[in-house]
C-alpha atoms as a PDB file:
ATOM      1  CA  MET A   1       0.064   0.033  -0.083  1.00  0.00           C
ATOM      2  CA  THR A   2       2.702   2.044   1.077  1.00  0.00           C
ATOM      3  CA  THR A   3       4.669   1.802  -2.223  1.00  0.00           C
ATOM      4  CA  ALA A   4       1.500   2.520  -4.369  1.00  0.00           C
ATOM      5  CA  VAL A   5       0.812   5.924  -2.393  1.00  0.00           C
ATOM      6  CA  ASN A   6       4.624   6.875  -2.990  1.00  0.00           C
ATOM      7  CA  ASP A   7       4.260   5.786  -6.923  1.00  0.00           C
ATOM      8  CA  SER A   8       1.392   8.217  -7.112  1.00  0.00           C
ATOM      9  CA  LYS A   9       2.589  11.027  -5.511  1.00  0.00           C
ATOM     10  CA  GLY A  10       5.707  10.615  -7.720  1.00  0.00           C
ATOM     11  CA  GLN A  11       3.789  10.279 -10.779  1.00  0.00           C
ATOM     12  CA  ARG A  12       1.717  13.816  -9.721  1.00  0.00           C
ATOM     13  CA  SER A  13       5.081  15.253  -9.089  1.00  0.00           C
ATOM     14  CA  ALA A  14       6.415  14.225 -12.521  1.00  0.00           C
ATOM     15  CA  LEU A  15       3.090  15.746 -14.079  1.00  0.00           C
ATOM     16  CA  CYS A  16       3.467  18.970 -12.343  1.00  0.00           C
ATOM     17  CA  TRP A  17       7.128  19.195 -13.732  1.00  0.00           C
ATOM     18  CA  GLU A  18       5.891  18.483 -17.091  1.00  0.00           C
ATOM     19  CA  ARG A  19       3.073  21.294 -17.115  1.00  0.00           C
ATOM     20  CA  VAL A  20       5.655  23.758 -15.483  1.00  0.00           C
ATOM     21  CA  LEU A  21       8.426  23.263 -18.075  1.00  0.00           C
ATOM     22  CA  ARG A  22       5.953  23.403 -21.002  1.00  0.00           C
ATOM     23  CA  SER A  23       5.161  27.050 -19.423  1.00  0.00           C
ATOM     24  CA  ASN A  24       8.461  28.069 -18.027  1.00  0.00           C
ATOM     25  CA  ARG A  25      11.486  26.293 -18.728  1.00  0.00           C
ATOM     26  CA  GLN A  26      13.600  28.553 -16.417  1.00  0.00           C
ATOM     27  CA  PHE A  27      11.576  27.556 -13.240  1.00  0.00           C
ATOM     28  CA  ARG A  28      14.171  24.496 -13.235  1.00  0.00           C
ATOM     29  CA  ILE A  29      16.891  26.759 -12.493  1.00  0.00           C
ATOM     30  CA  SER A  30      15.206  28.943  -9.760  1.00  0.00           C
ATOM     31  CA  HIS A  31      13.953  25.756  -8.145  1.00  0.00           C
ATOM     32  CA  LEU A  32      17.127  24.300  -7.803  1.00  0.00           C
ATOM     33  CA  PHE A  33      18.046  26.841  -5.188  1.00  0.00           C
ATOM     34  CA  ALA A  34      14.781  27.320  -3.713  1.00  0.00           C
ATOM     35  CA  PRO A  35      14.624  26.706  -0.030  1.00  0.00           C
ATOM     36  CA  ASP A  36      13.935  23.212   0.916  1.00  0.00           C
ATOM     37  CA  GLU A  37      10.833  23.781   3.015  1.00  0.00           C
ATOM     38  CA  PHE A  38       9.228  25.393   0.113  1.00  0.00           C
ATOM     39  CA  SER A  39      10.343  23.150  -2.663  1.00  0.00           C
ATOM     40  CA  GLY A  40       7.541  20.930  -3.379  1.00  0.00           C
ATOM     41  CA  ALA A  41       4.932  23.486  -2.556  1.00  0.00           C
ATOM     42  CA  LEU A  42       6.596  25.601  -5.225  1.00  0.00           C
ATOM     43  CA  LEU A  43       6.358  23.122  -7.692  1.00  0.00           C
ATOM     44  CA  ALA A  44       2.698  22.582  -6.993  1.00  0.00           C
ATOM     45  CA  LEU A  45       2.036  26.178  -7.168  1.00  0.00           C
ATOM     46  CA  HIS A  46       3.686  26.988 -10.417  1.00  0.00           C
ATOM     47  CA  ALA A  47       1.951  23.835 -11.638  1.00  0.00           C
ATOM     48  CA  LEU A  48      -1.215  25.410 -11.064  1.00  0.00           C
ATOM     49  CA  PHE A  49      -0.002  28.626 -12.728  1.00  0.00           C
ATOM     50  CA  ALA A  50       0.992  26.625 -15.661  1.00  0.00           C
ATOM     51  CA  SER A  51      -2.351  24.903 -15.563  1.00  0.00           C
ATOM     52  CA  ILE A  52      -4.290  28.322 -15.878  1.00  0.00           C
ATOM     53  CA  ASP A  53      -1.854  29.504 -18.517  1.00  0.00           C
ATOM     54  CA  GLN A  54      -2.660  26.632 -20.760  1.00  0.00           C
ATOM     55  CA  ILE A  55      -6.379  27.883 -20.884  1.00  0.00           C
ATOM     56  CA  SER A  56      -5.119  31.273 -22.305  1.00  0.00           C
ATOM     57  CA  THR A  57      -2.723  29.626 -24.744  1.00  0.00           C
ATOM     58  CA  GLU A  58      -4.502  26.266 -25.870  1.00  0.00           C
ATOM     59  CA  VAL A  59      -8.169  27.254 -25.645  1.00  0.00           C
ATOM     60  CA  SER A  60      -9.685  29.450 -28.770  1.00  0.00           C
ATOM     61  CA  GLU A  61     -13.149  29.389 -27.783  1.00  0.00           C
ATOM     62  CA  ASP A  62     -14.121  31.831 -25.376  1.00  0.00           C
ATOM     63  CA  LEU A  63     -17.028  30.123 -23.766  1.00  0.00           C
ATOM     64  CA  VAL A  64     -14.994  26.889 -23.347  1.00  0.00           C
ATOM     65  CA  ALA A  65     -12.287  28.924 -21.607  1.00  0.00           C
ATOM     66  CA  ARG A  66     -14.761  30.150 -19.223  1.00  0.00           C
ATOM     67  CA  LYS A  67     -16.136  26.873 -18.524  1.00  0.00           C
ATOM     68  CA  LYS A  68     -12.898  25.589 -17.733  1.00  0.00           C
ATOM     69  CA  LEU A  69     -12.039  28.559 -15.587  1.00  0.00           C
ATOM     70  CA  ASP A  70     -15.304  27.811 -13.632  1.00  0.00           C
ATOM     71  CA  TRP A  71     -14.278  24.050 -13.143  1.00  0.00           C
ATOM     72  CA  TRP A  72     -11.044  25.314 -11.579  1.00  0.00           C
ATOM     73  CA  ARG A  73     -12.846  27.917  -9.301  1.00  0.00           C
ATOM     74  CA  LEU A  74     -15.050  25.036  -8.025  1.00  0.00           C
ATOM     75  CA  GLU A  75     -12.154  22.553  -7.536  1.00  0.00           C
ATOM     76  CA  LEU A  76     -10.294  25.350  -5.621  1.00  0.00           C
ATOM     77  CA  SER A  77     -12.905  26.419  -3.293  1.00  0.00           C
ATOM     78  CA  PRO A  78     -12.690  25.502   0.277  1.00  0.00           C
ATOM     79  CA  ASP A  79     -15.088  22.995   0.310  1.00  0.00           C
ATOM     80  CA  HIS A  80     -13.734  20.992  -2.717  1.00  0.00           C
ATOM     81  CA  ILE A  81     -10.111  21.714  -2.791  1.00  0.00           C
ATOM     82  CA  GLY A  82      -9.331  18.982  -0.076  1.00  0.00           C
ATOM     83  CA  ARG A  83     -11.207  16.412  -2.159  1.00  0.00           C
ATOM     84  CA  SER A  84     -10.153  17.166  -5.663  1.00  0.00           C
ATOM     85  CA  ARG A  85      -9.062  14.302  -7.846  1.00  0.00           C
ATOM     86  CA  HIS A  86      -7.170  16.665  -9.931  1.00  0.00           C
ATOM     87  CA  PRO A  87      -3.073  15.831  -9.875  1.00  0.00           C
ATOM     88  CA  VAL A  88      -1.961  19.354  -9.545  1.00  0.00           C
ATOM     89  CA  ILE A  89      -4.439  20.148  -6.868  1.00  0.00           C
ATOM     90  CA  ARG A  90      -3.871  17.126  -4.900  1.00  0.00           C
ATOM     91  CA  HIS A  91      -0.178  17.733  -4.902  1.00  0.00           C
ATOM     92  CA  LEU A  92      -0.788  21.249  -3.859  1.00  0.00           C
ATOM     93  CA  GLY A  93      -2.687  19.690  -0.855  1.00  0.00           C
ATOM     94  CA  GLU A  94       0.224  17.099  -0.568  1.00  0.00           C
ATOM     95  CA  THR A  95       2.790  19.601  -0.142  1.00  0.00           C
ATOM     96  CA  GLY A  96       0.942  21.690   2.314  1.00  0.00           C
ATOM     97  CA  ALA A  97       0.660  24.636  -0.299  1.00  0.00           C
ATOM     98  CA  ALA A  98      -3.135  24.285  -0.428  1.00  0.00           C
ATOM     99  CA  THR A  99      -3.494  25.548   3.346  1.00  0.00           C
ATOM    100  CA  SER A 100      -1.127  28.475   2.680  1.00  0.00           C
ATOM    101  CA  PHE A 101      -3.371  30.577   0.729  1.00  0.00           C
ATOM    102  CA  PRO A 102      -6.218  32.895   1.594  1.00  0.00           C
ATOM    103  CA  PRO A 103      -9.197  31.983  -0.475  1.00  0.00           C
ATOM    104  CA  SER A 104      -9.178  35.707  -1.857  1.00  0.00           C
ATOM    105  CA  ALA A 105      -5.569  34.863  -3.258  1.00  0.00           C
ATOM    106  CA  LEU A 106      -6.897  32.222  -5.418  1.00  0.00           C
ATOM    107  CA  GLU A 107      -9.842  33.599  -6.526  1.00  0.00           C
ATOM    108  CA  SER A 108      -7.983  36.686  -7.885  1.00  0.00           C
ATOM    109  CA  LEU A 109      -5.698  34.379  -9.699  1.00  0.00           C
ATOM    110  CA  LEU A 110      -8.794  33.189 -11.554  1.00  0.00           C
ATOM    111  CA  ASP A 111     -10.652  36.135 -11.665  1.00  0.00           C
ATOM    112  CA  THR A 112      -7.543  37.735 -13.609  1.00  0.00           C
ATOM    113  CA  ALA A 113      -7.699  34.998 -16.057  1.00  0.00           C
ATOM    114  CA  GLU A 114     -11.135  35.658 -16.643  1.00  0.00           C
ATOM    115  CA  ARG A 115     -10.755  39.448 -17.203  1.00  0.00           C
ATOM    116  CA  ARG A 116      -8.201  38.573 -19.820  1.00  0.00           C
ATOM    117  CA  LEU A 117     -10.733  36.840 -21.799  1.00  0.00           C
ATOM    118  CA  ASP A 118     -12.362  40.594 -22.061  1.00  0.00           C
ATOM    119  CA  ALA A 119      -9.114  42.782 -22.345  1.00  0.00           C
ATOM    120  CA  GLN A 120      -9.148  45.198 -24.933  1.00  0.00           C
ATOM    121  CA  PRO A 121      -5.901  46.285 -26.440  1.00  0.00           C
ATOM    122  CA  PRO A 122      -3.884  48.749 -24.429  1.00  0.00           C
ATOM    123  CA  SER A 123      -3.527  52.339 -25.998  1.00  0.00           C
ATOM    124  CA  ASN A 124      -0.512  53.082 -24.902  1.00  0.00           C
ATOM    125  CA  ILE A 125       2.558  51.664 -22.665  1.00  0.00           C
ATOM    126  CA  LYS A 126       1.459  52.762 -19.608  1.00  0.00           C
ATOM    127  CA  GLU A 127      -1.670  50.815 -19.934  1.00  0.00           C
ATOM    128  CA  PHE A 128       0.460  47.801 -21.142  1.00  0.00           C
ATOM    129  CA  ASN A 129       2.315  47.754 -17.988  1.00  0.00           C
ATOM    130  CA  GLN A 130      -1.035  47.795 -16.244  1.00  0.00           C
ATOM    131  CA  LEU A 131      -2.192  44.779 -18.142  1.00  0.00           C
ATOM    132  CA  CYS A 132       1.380  42.843 -17.368  1.00  0.00           C
ATOM    133  CA  TYR A 133       0.885  43.758 -13.690  1.00  0.00           C
ATOM    134  CA  LEU A 134      -2.450  42.256 -13.709  1.00  0.00           C
ATOM    135  CA  ILE A 135      -1.406  39.241 -15.261  1.00  0.00           C
ATOM    136  CA  TYR A 136       1.540  38.459 -12.817  1.00  0.00           C
ATOM    137  CA  HIS A 137       0.934  40.301  -9.479  1.00  0.00           C
ATOM    138  CA  PRO A 138      -1.742  37.401  -8.167  1.00  0.00           C
ATOM    139  CA  ARG A 139       1.105  34.856  -8.720  1.00  0.00           C
ATOM    140  CA  MET A 140       3.306  36.969  -6.670  1.00  0.00           C
ATOM    141  CA  VAL A 141       0.679  37.235  -3.737  1.00  0.00           C
ATOM    142  CA  LEU A 142       0.255  33.469  -3.817  1.00  0.00           C
ATOM    143  CA  GLU A 143       3.930  32.778  -3.768  1.00  0.00           C
ATOM    144  CA  CYS A 144       4.615  34.951  -0.879  1.00  0.00           C
ATOM    145  CA  ALA A 145       1.440  33.762   1.027  1.00  0.00           C
ATOM    146  CA  LEU A 146       2.890  30.110   0.726  1.00  0.00           C
ATOM    147  CA  CYS A 147       6.165  31.380   2.116  1.00  0.00           C
ATOM    148  CA  GLY A 148       3.951  33.217   4.946  1.00  0.00           C
ATOM    149  CA  LEU A 149       5.037  36.576   3.696  1.00  0.00           C
ATOM    150  CA  ASP A 150       3.488  39.624   1.710  1.00  0.00           C
ATOM    151  CA  THR A 151       4.216  41.268  -1.549  1.00  0.00           C
ATOM    152  CA  ALA A 152       5.205  44.285   0.901  1.00  0.00           C
ATOM    153  CA  PHE A 153       8.427  42.672   1.587  1.00  0.00           C
ATOM    154  CA  VAL A 154       9.616  42.964  -2.068  1.00  0.00           C
ATOM    155  CA  ASP A 155      10.698  46.386  -2.637  1.00  0.00           C
ATOM    156  CA  ASP A 156      10.522  46.147  -6.371  1.00  0.00           C
ATOM    157  CA  HIS A 157       7.298  43.969  -6.626  1.00  0.00           C
ATOM    158  CA  LYS A 158       5.539  46.294  -9.243  1.00  0.00           C
ATOM    159  CA  ALA A 159       8.724  45.999 -11.771  1.00  0.00           C
ATOM    160  CA  VAL A 160       8.956  42.554 -10.923  1.00  0.00           C
ATOM    161  CA  ALA A 161       5.213  41.869 -11.702  1.00  0.00           C
ATOM    162  CA  CYS A 162       5.438  43.915 -14.941  1.00  0.00           C
ATOM    163  CA  GLU A 163       8.324  41.898 -16.128  1.00  0.00           C
ATOM    164  CA  GLY A 164       6.640  38.636 -15.446  1.00  0.00           C
ATOM    165  CA  GLY A 165       3.418  39.597 -17.217  1.00  0.00           C
ATOM    166  CA  LEU A 166       5.561  40.795 -20.516  1.00  0.00           C
ATOM    167  CA  LEU A 167       7.170  37.466 -20.538  1.00  0.00           C
ATOM    168  CA  GLN A 168       3.937  35.697 -20.108  1.00  0.00           C
ATOM    169  CA  LEU A 169       2.576  37.640 -23.077  1.00  0.00           C
ATOM    170  CA  LEU A 170       5.584  36.984 -25.186  1.00  0.00           C
ATOM    171  CA  ARG A 171       5.269  33.146 -24.378  1.00  0.00           C
ATOM    172  CA  GLU A 172       1.597  33.221 -25.366  1.00  0.00           C
ATOM    173  CA  SER A 173       2.183  34.872 -28.669  1.00  0.00           C
ATOM    174  CA  PHE A 174       5.790  33.403 -29.811  1.00  0.00           C
ATOM    175  CA  VAL A 175       4.987  29.750 -28.431  1.00  0.00           C
ATOM    176  CA  LYS A 176       1.850  29.402 -30.254  1.00  0.00           C
ATOM    177  CA  ALA A 177       1.912  27.751 -33.829  1.00  0.00           C
ATOM    178  CA  LYS A 178      -0.369  30.624 -34.859  1.00  0.00           C
ATOM    179  CA  PRO A 179       0.896  33.814 -32.766  1.00  0.00           C
ATOM    180  CA  GLY A 180      -1.272  36.806 -32.067  1.00  0.00           C
ATOM    181  CA  TYR A 181      -0.279  40.220 -30.856  1.00  0.00           C
ATOM    182  CA  TRP A 182      -3.598  41.463 -29.459  1.00  0.00           C
ATOM    183  CA  TRP A 183      -1.827  43.296 -26.421  1.00  0.00           C
ATOM    184  CA  VAL A 184       0.670  45.546 -28.618  1.00  0.00           C
ATOM    185  CA  PRO A 185      -0.139  48.918 -27.459  1.00  0.00           C
ATOM    186  CA  LEU A 186      -2.144  51.094 -30.297  1.00  0.00           C
ATOM    187  CA  ASN A 187       0.216  54.029 -30.283  1.00  0.00           C
ATOM    188  CA  THR A 188       3.062  51.814 -30.620  1.00  0.00           C
ATOM    189  CA  LEU A 189       1.427  50.326 -34.014  1.00  0.00           C
ATOM    190  CA  ALA A 190       0.716  54.007 -35.058  1.00  0.00           C
ATOM    191  CA  ARG A 191       4.405  55.292 -34.081  1.00  0.00           C
ATOM    192  CA  PHE A 192       5.889  52.553 -36.397  1.00  0.00           C
ATOM    193  CA  GLU A 193       3.170  52.426 -39.102  1.00  0.00           C
ATOM    194  CA  VAL A 194       2.481  49.034 -38.617  1.00  0.00           C
ATOM    195  CA  THR A 195      -0.634  46.614 -38.318  1.00  0.00           C
ATOM    196  CA  ARG A 196      -1.296  43.565 -36.102  1.00  0.00           C
ATOM    197  CA  ARG A 197      -1.250  41.684 -39.573  1.00  0.00           C
ATOM    198  CA  ASP A 198       2.033  42.720 -40.451  1.00  0.00           C
ATOM    199  CA  LEU A 199       3.727  41.571 -37.272  1.00  0.00           C
ATOM    200  CA  GLN A 200       2.109  38.047 -37.837  1.00  0.00           C
ATOM    201  CA  GLU A 201       3.162  37.782 -41.440  1.00  0.00           C
ATOM    202  CA  ASN A 202       6.824  39.223 -40.618  1.00  0.00           C
ATOM    203  CA  SER A 203       7.869  40.126 -37.329  1.00  0.00           C
ATOM    204  CA  ASP A 204      11.610  40.630 -38.415  1.00  0.00           C
ATOM    205  CA  ALA A 205      10.750  43.367 -41.004  1.00  0.00           C
ATOM    206  CA  PRO A 206      12.546  46.321 -39.946  1.00  0.00           C
ATOM    207  CA  ASP A 207       9.539  48.393 -38.551  1.00  0.00           C
ATOM    208  CA  GLY A 208       8.101  44.887 -36.840  1.00  0.00           C
ATOM    209  CA  TRP A 209      11.287  44.439 -35.252  1.00  0.00           C
ATOM    210  CA  ALA A 210      11.284  47.910 -33.832  1.00  0.00           C
ATOM    211  CA  VAL A 211       7.873  47.331 -32.327  1.00  0.00           C
ATOM    212  CA  PHE A 212       9.056  44.409 -30.225  1.00  0.00           C
ATOM    213  CA  GLN A 213      12.412  46.568 -29.148  1.00  0.00           C
ATOM    214  CA  HIS A 214      10.207  49.479 -28.253  1.00  0.00           C
ATOM    215  CA  ILE A 215       8.054  47.052 -25.888  1.00  0.00           C
ATOM    216  CA  LEU A 216      10.990  45.610 -24.474  1.00  0.00           C
ATOM    217  CA  GLU A 217      12.856  48.952 -23.772  1.00  0.00           C
ATOM    218  CA  GLY A 218       9.697  50.720 -22.834  1.00  0.00           C
ATOM    219  CA  SER A 219       7.831  48.174 -20.396  1.00  0.00           C
ATOM    220  CA  ARG A 220       9.687  49.629 -17.425  1.00  0.00           C
ATOM    221  CA  GLU A 221      11.765  52.932 -16.913  1.00  0.00           C
ATOM    222  CA  GLN A 222      15.248  51.059 -17.342  1.00  0.00           C
ATOM    223  CA  LEU A 223      15.417  47.294 -17.747  1.00  0.00           C
ATOM    224  CA  VAL A 224      18.546  45.657 -15.642  1.00  0.00           C
ATOM    225  CA  SER A 225      21.442  45.123 -18.020  1.00  0.00           C
ATOM    226  CA  GLU A 226      22.918  41.791 -18.227  1.00  0.00           C
ATOM    227  CA  GLU A 227      26.198  42.878 -16.299  1.00  0.00           C
ATOM    228  CA  HIS A 228      24.093  44.318 -13.681  1.00  0.00           C
ATOM    229  CA  GLY A 229      21.356  41.797 -13.316  1.00  0.00           C
ATOM    230  CA  ASP A 230      22.137  39.774 -10.534  1.00  0.00           C
ATOM    231  CA  GLN A 231      22.451  42.920  -8.313  1.00  0.00           C
ATOM    232  CA  LEU A 232      19.011  42.672  -7.053  1.00  0.00           C
ATOM    233  CA  LYS A 233      18.790  43.803  -3.288  1.00  0.00           C
ATOM    234  CA  LEU A 234      19.255  40.450  -0.939  1.00  0.00           C
ATOM    235  CA  ASP A 235      16.419  40.191   1.640  1.00  0.00           C
ATOM    236  CA  VAL A 236      17.332  38.058   4.532  1.00  0.00           C
ATOM    237  CA  LEU A 237      13.995  36.583   4.458  1.00  0.00           C
ATOM    238  CA  PRO A 238      14.376  32.877   3.049  1.00  0.00           C
ATOM    239  CA  GLY A 239      10.830  32.903   1.890  1.00  0.00           C
ATOM    240  CA  LEU A 240      11.676  35.752  -0.778  1.00  0.00           C
ATOM    241  CA  LEU A 241      14.509  33.764  -2.259  1.00  0.00           C
ATOM    242  CA  HIS A 242      12.752  32.044  -4.790  1.00  0.00           C
ATOM    243  CA  LEU A 243      11.208  35.289  -5.963  1.00  0.00           C
ATOM    244  CA  ARG A 244      14.491  36.951  -6.369  1.00  0.00           C
ATOM    245  CA  LEU A 245      15.744  34.197  -8.118  1.00  0.00           C
ATOM    246  CA  THR A 246      12.835  34.422 -10.570  1.00  0.00           C
ATOM    247  CA  ALA A 247      13.279  38.163 -10.890  1.00  0.00           C
ATOM    248  CA  LEU A 248      16.856  37.635 -11.561  1.00  0.00           C
ATOM    249  CA  LEU A 249      15.755  35.153 -14.314  1.00  0.00           C
ATOM    250  CA  GLN A 250      13.114  37.399 -15.999  1.00  0.00           C
ATOM    251  CA  ARG A 251      15.282  39.954 -16.440  1.00  0.00           C
ATOM    252  CA  ARG A 252      18.117  38.109 -18.060  1.00  0.00           C
ATOM    253  CA  GLN A 253      15.415  36.417 -20.214  1.00  0.00           C
ATOM    254  CA  LEU A 254      14.336  39.957 -21.343  1.00  0.00           C
ATOM    255  CA  HIS A 255      17.920  41.115 -22.070  1.00  0.00           C
ATOM    256  CA  HIS A 256      18.447  37.974 -24.234  1.00  0.00           C
ATOM    257  CA  LEU A 257      15.352  38.923 -26.263  1.00  0.00           C
ATOM    258  CA  LYS A 258      16.708  42.439 -26.845  1.00  0.00           C
ATOM    259  CA  SER A 259      19.719  41.114 -28.759  1.00  0.00           C
ATOM    260  CA  ILE A 260      17.535  38.709 -31.470  1.00  0.00           C
ATOM    261  CA  LYS A 261      15.002  38.888 -34.247  1.00  0.00           C
ATOM    262  CA  PRO A 262      11.331  38.301 -33.115  1.00  0.00           C
ATOM    263  CA  SER A 263      11.266  35.288 -35.183  1.00  0.00           C
ATOM    264  CA  ARG A 264      13.738  33.797 -32.503  1.00  0.00           C
ATOM    265  CA  TYR A 265      11.504  34.664 -29.545  1.00  0.00           C
ATOM    266  CA  GLY A 266       9.854  31.531 -29.509  1.00  0.00           C
ATOM    267  CA  ALA A 267      12.916  29.346 -29.230  1.00  0.00           C
ATOM    268  CA  GLU A 268      14.606  31.843 -26.853  1.00  0.00           C
ATOM    269  CA  LEU A 269      11.729  31.489 -24.457  1.00  0.00           C
ATOM    270  CA  ASN A 270      11.989  27.617 -24.130  1.00  0.00           C
ATOM    271  CA  ARG A 271      15.637  27.639 -23.484  1.00  0.00           C
ATOM    272  CA  TRP A 272      18.017  28.671 -20.644  1.00  0.00           C
ATOM    273  CA  HIS A 273      21.655  29.637 -20.643  1.00  0.00           C
ATOM    274  CA  ILE A 274      24.620  28.433 -18.653  1.00  0.00           C
ATOM    275  CA  SER A 275      25.249  31.839 -17.507  1.00  0.00           C
ATOM    276  CA  ASP A 276      21.774  31.947 -16.209  1.00  0.00           C
ATOM    277  CA  LEU A 277      22.432  29.089 -14.014  1.00  0.00           C
ATOM    278  CA  MET A 278      25.544  30.649 -12.813  1.00  0.00           C
ATOM    279  CA  ALA A 279      24.081  34.068 -11.968  1.00  0.00           C
ATOM    280  CA  THR A 280      21.233  32.347  -9.911  1.00  0.00           C
ATOM    281  CA  TRP A 281      23.805  30.332  -7.903  1.00  0.00           C
ATOM    282  CA  LYS A 282      25.976  33.284  -7.328  1.00  0.00           C
ATOM    283  CA  LEU A 283      22.553  35.260  -6.026  1.00  0.00           C
ATOM    284  CA  ALA A 284      21.746  32.066  -3.974  1.00  0.00           C
ATOM    285  CA  ARG A 285      24.890  32.018  -2.509  1.00  0.00           C
ATOM    286  CA  GLN A 286      25.193  35.856  -1.353  1.00  0.00           C
ATOM    287  CA  SER A 287      21.774  35.666  -0.189  1.00  0.00           C
ATOM    288  CA  LYS A 288      22.809  32.394   1.906  1.00  0.00           C
ATOM    289  CA  ASN A 289      25.865  34.381   3.212  1.00  0.00           C
ATOM    290  CA  ASN A 290      23.877  37.107   4.328  1.00  0.00           C
ATOM    291  CA  THR A 291      21.581  34.855   6.437  1.00  0.00           C
ATOM    292  CA  ALA A 292      24.538  33.152   8.040  1.00  0.00           C
END
């Protein structure tokens, strides 16, 4: 009986890894250096994020997407979460993650996913940043809650959330077989005199490439350069380490994208660099020394 239970847990863990890596391969790096006490729960939580992301990336019918979100809302409700048979939700329970979240935080994650179904193209970079923040901030709230903290402990949480949301939009567009760019700000299209169809047909054209460079440059006041990307503020709270590592990897990935053509974004978003691993290890080591 014990062997069967362990095998089942192992299968659920493997399924969680499969889902996470389909959505964000860089999680493998940040998870290597996550505090041991949060390791299993972080995997389960990010598998939940990946499951919700699949609705945005793989479901084209609006009604079907809403029904799927309603199903997740029911399964994650306090009355059902402990009895769910879904492997990701069961893993949330087994790792203790499910008991860490206030119900309102899970509701916010799902409400945000549903609001995105009705989202209108942003008019300018400011509205675009607000969209990016809307996408990613609920995830930060849940991860902080899992570690018994609050996003108030993350000094640059707005920048981290904007970068995370930007990367999510890029993944949804460039990892799809048929990319879509509904989220490109209207005034950016006007500035470079291109249409969304132009971007779909040839994103590498000079004007198309300029659009994405403008978005990468203007998504925050100043992206951290690769040379200084590991100089994030080091917090002594262990629960924040994974968020810090994630922020570092996000900034490095955005920096990588700035140096290549848009047609290569999909491949870049599905890989990681040895230098990313080394920078993450360095930040984790520095943080450990600060807490010693």
